[in-house]
Amino acid sequence: MKIPFIMSTIATAVYAFFLTSCDSEQENRRQDALEQKADQLEDQADMTRKQAEKAADATEDAADRIRDEAAGASDAAKETAEARADAAEDNADALRKAAEEKADALEDAADAERDAK
C-alpha cells in the first residue's frame, strides 16, 4: 500500500518540476523580443561608429587640403592654414570620441536588455 503512495508522490513531484521548468510560449516571445532589441541596439552602435569614422575622415581630408592649398602661400597664410587644419583634426578626434561614447552607451543598453531575460 505504501509503494503506490510513494510512487504517486514521486511522480507528482517530477511532473511538477518539469511543468514549472519549461518556458511558456509567452516567455519565449518576450525573450526573443529582448534579444531582437539588443541586436538592434548593437547594430545602431556599429552604425554610429561607421558614420563618425566617415565624418572624421572627411574632416581630416579637409585639413589635408587646407595644408596643401597653403603650401605656396606666405608664412602668415601658412600659419593660419595650419591652425585651421589643426582645429579640423581636433574636431575629427572629438567626433570619434563622442561617437565611441555613444556607441558604448548603446552596447551597455544592449547588454542590459540581454540581462533582463
Protein backbone atom coordinates (compact mmCIF):
# COMPACT_ATOMS: atom_id res chain seq x y z
CA MET A 1 0.00 0.00 0.00
CA LYS A 2 2.86 2.38 0.76
CA ILE A 3 4.65 1.73 -2.55
CA PRO A 4 1.86 3.13 -4.79
CA PHE A 5 1.59 6.16 -2.49
CA ILE A 6 5.35 6.78 -2.60
CA MET A 7 5.44 6.29 -6.39
CA SER A 8 2.49 8.67 -6.82
CA THR A 9 4.22 11.28 -4.65
CA ILE A 10 7.48 10.97 -6.60
CA ALA A 11 5.64 11.10 -9.94
CA THR A 12 3.74 14.20 -8.83
CA ALA A 13 6.98 15.90 -7.79
CA VAL A 14 8.66 15.02 -11.09
CA TYR A 15 5.70 16.26 -13.15
CA ALA A 16 5.51 19.47 -11.13
CA PHE A 17 9.23 20.08 -11.67
CA PHE A 18 9.04 19.54 -15.43
CA LEU A 19 5.94 21.66 -15.85
CA THR A 20 7.38 24.58 -13.92
CA SER A 21 10.81 24.43 -15.53
CA CYS A 22 9.50 24.79 -19.09
CA ASP A 23 9.29 28.30 -20.52
CA SER A 24 5.89 29.29 -21.71
CA GLU A 25 5.28 30.48 -25.24
CA GLN A 26 4.77 33.98 -23.88
CA GLU A 27 8.11 33.86 -22.06
CA ASN A 28 9.86 32.67 -25.22
CA ARG A 29 8.35 35.57 -27.19
CA ARG A 30 9.44 38.02 -24.51
CA GLN A 31 12.99 36.68 -24.58
CA ASP A 32 13.07 36.79 -28.37
CA ALA A 33 11.87 40.39 -28.31
CA LEU A 34 14.56 41.35 -25.78
CA GLU A 35 17.22 39.65 -27.88
CA GLN A 36 15.99 41.38 -31.02
CA LYS A 37 16.03 44.77 -29.29
CA ALA A 38 19.56 44.12 -28.03
CA ASP A 39 20.67 43.19 -31.55
CA GLN A 40 19.15 46.40 -32.90
CA LEU A 41 20.99 48.45 -30.28
CA GLU A 42 24.28 46.79 -31.23
CA ASP A 43 23.59 47.46 -34.91
CA GLN A 44 22.92 51.09 -34.00
CA ALA A 45 26.23 51.23 -32.15
CA ASP A 46 28.07 49.85 -35.18
CA MET A 47 26.35 52.35 -37.48
CA THR A 48 27.22 55.21 -35.11
CA ARG A 49 30.88 54.22 -35.20
CA LYS A 50 30.91 53.92 -39.00
CA GLN A 51 29.20 57.28 -39.54
CA ALA A 52 31.51 59.03 -37.11
CA GLU A 53 34.56 57.50 -38.74
CA LYS A 54 33.37 58.70 -42.14
CA ALA A 55 32.77 62.20 -40.82
CA ALA A 56 36.13 62.28 -39.03
CA ASP A 57 37.93 61.05 -42.15
CA ALA A 58 36.24 63.74 -44.24
CA THR A 59 37.27 66.38 -41.70
CA GLU A 60 40.86 65.14 -41.76
CA ASP A 61 40.83 65.16 -45.57
CA ALA A 62 39.67 68.77 -45.44
CA ALA A 63 42.54 69.55 -43.08
CA ASP A 64 44.98 68.00 -45.54
CA ARG A 65 43.50 70.08 -48.37
CA ILE A 66 43.90 73.24 -46.28
CA ARG A 67 47.57 72.43 -45.75
CA ASP A 68 48.09 71.61 -49.43
CA GLU A 69 46.46 74.84 -50.56
CA ALA A 70 48.65 76.87 -48.23
CA ALA A 71 51.88 75.29 -49.47
CA GLY A 72 52.70 78.14 -51.84
CA ALA A 73 51.37 80.93 -49.62
CA SER A 74 53.20 83.37 -47.41
CA ASP A 75 54.36 82.39 -43.93
CA ALA A 76 51.46 84.17 -42.26
CA ALA A 77 48.96 82.40 -44.52
CA LYS A 78 50.68 79.07 -43.84
CA GLU A 79 50.40 79.62 -40.07
CA THR A 80 46.73 80.50 -40.38
CA ALA A 81 46.08 77.48 -42.60
CA GLU A 82 48.00 75.23 -40.20
CA ALA A 83 45.92 76.49 -37.29
CA ARG A 84 42.70 75.85 -39.22
CA ALA A 85 43.93 72.36 -40.19
CA ASP A 86 44.88 71.57 -36.59
CA ALA A 87 41.44 72.71 -35.44
CA ALA A 88 39.84 70.45 -38.05
CA GLU A 89 41.87 67.48 -36.83
CA ASP A 90 40.92 68.24 -33.23
CA ASN A 91 37.30 68.30 -34.36
CA ALA A 92 37.77 64.91 -36.04
CA ASP A 93 39.19 63.48 -32.82
CA ALA A 94 36.26 64.91 -30.85
CA LEU A 95 33.83 63.34 -33.33
CA ARG A 96 35.44 59.94 -32.88
CA LYS A 97 35.43 60.23 -29.10
CA ALA A 98 31.78 61.32 -28.91
CA ALA A 99 30.72 58.54 -31.28
CA GLU A 100 32.64 55.95 -29.28
CA GLU A 101 30.95 57.09 -26.07
CA LYS A 102 27.53 56.95 -27.72
CA ALA A 103 28.25 53.52 -29.19
CA ASP A 104 29.46 52.25 -25.81
CA ALA A 105 26.26 53.51 -24.21
CA LEU A 106 24.21 51.70 -26.85
CA GLU A 107 26.15 48.49 -26.25
CA ASP A 108 25.63 48.85 -22.49
CA ALA A 109 21.90 49.21 -23.15
CA ALA A 110 22.02 46.08 -25.32
CA ASP A 111 23.73 44.19 -22.52
CA ALA A 112 21.08 45.40 -20.08
CA GLU A 113 18.35 44.14 -22.42
CA ARG A 114 20.00 40.73 -22.58
CA ASP A 115 20.40 40.64 -18.80
CA ALA A 116 16.66 41.35 -18.44
CA LYS A 117 15.96 37.84 -19.67
